[in-house]
Amino acid sequence: MKAIDRRRFVLAAGAFIAARPALGQRPADRRRVVGILQPRTRADAGPELETFAEGLRAGGFVEGENLRFESGYADYDYRKLDRLAADLVRAQVEAIYASTTWPAYAAQAATKTIPIVFSGINDPVGNRLVQSLGRPGGNLTGVSEANAELTAKRVQLMRELFPGGGRLGVVYDKDSAKACQLELNDIGRAGKQLGTDVLELPYSEKTELAGAFNTARRANVVALLIPTTYETRRYGAELALQSTSSRIPLIHSGSEAAAAGGLMSYGPERSWGARRAGNYVARVLKGAKPADLPVEQPTRYELVINLRTAKTLGITIPQSVLLRADRLIE
């Protein structure tokens, strides 16, 4: 080989070796890929996903820099979730964020190897998503925002508002029944322990909400609970309208619903679950295994009371309840 050719070969080889990442390392400019599996529309999921991204950023992953998303939105058609989950698997995402029970089921059916992180799920053990909270045991983990104790507390709060009697009710979309069935059972048990009946009021379409509230009024339902795992953004405004017209108050788990017109909310800090889920995904991308990451539960809950709604509905909030409130909306 001529000297000039040998020199070119050595320089080219050196440049190639220098450009190659060390064995087992990813190229510096490679973006990690996270799948988003959502039952909602892109617009409705926006606030939650912004908070989810905050959790990822806290863990060192920023969209557009070292991270990109592959997203699937079911637009409230739960039948699409299985196909969307399969699409994410084919896209070779490195982790999947499944915000609620239905997406978690779809992702679980689509892959047994890709890590799946969930949030907004009541009792992931009972839903057979993990083996136990402390040792999930498979490729799923995440955060659980509800449990039987928290559900019983909501029922108790409603009973304190209406100590004179009357039934309690729970209103939910039939399509989400599988996702919130465990919580419905918890509500029923808590009602029995407090000596009150709980009337379930499922509906299928937005147009059926008025009928559900009419049924509640005829059945002497004094207050309605919204399950933690139920999606309120879709019909939140209509629920608030029906609550006002029927004069039946609502208690939610999320403070944003109380701010939008619900009477009261009691649950984890707003967006806590999505933010913690983002942090969990960051840990997975760094090498943690879902089987070794305990399911996290909130350690703090906040009670929010909308005094404007109470005045509109003609409800006097007992002083004992007001004193426990973390925030009053006036």
Foldseek 3Di string as FASTA:
>chain_A
DDPVVVVVVVVVVVVVVVQDDPPPDDRQQAAAEEEEQEAADCVLCVVLVVLLQLLQVVLPHHDPGRHHYDYDYNNNPLVCLLVSLLVVVVVVHQEYEYEFDSNLVSVVVNDFPRAYEYELAEDCCVVVSAVALQFRATRYAAAYWDYLVQLLVVLVLVCLLPVPDFAAEEEAEPVCCSRCVVSVVSNQVSQVVVPHGYYYQYDHDLVCPLVSLVVRVVRRHQEYEYGSSGDCVVPLLVVLVSCLVSLHAYEYQAVVSQVSRGFKHKTQHPSPRSSRSSNVVSVVVVPDGNSNDRHHYDPDMAMEGEVVNCVSSVGDRDPVVVVRHPYYHD
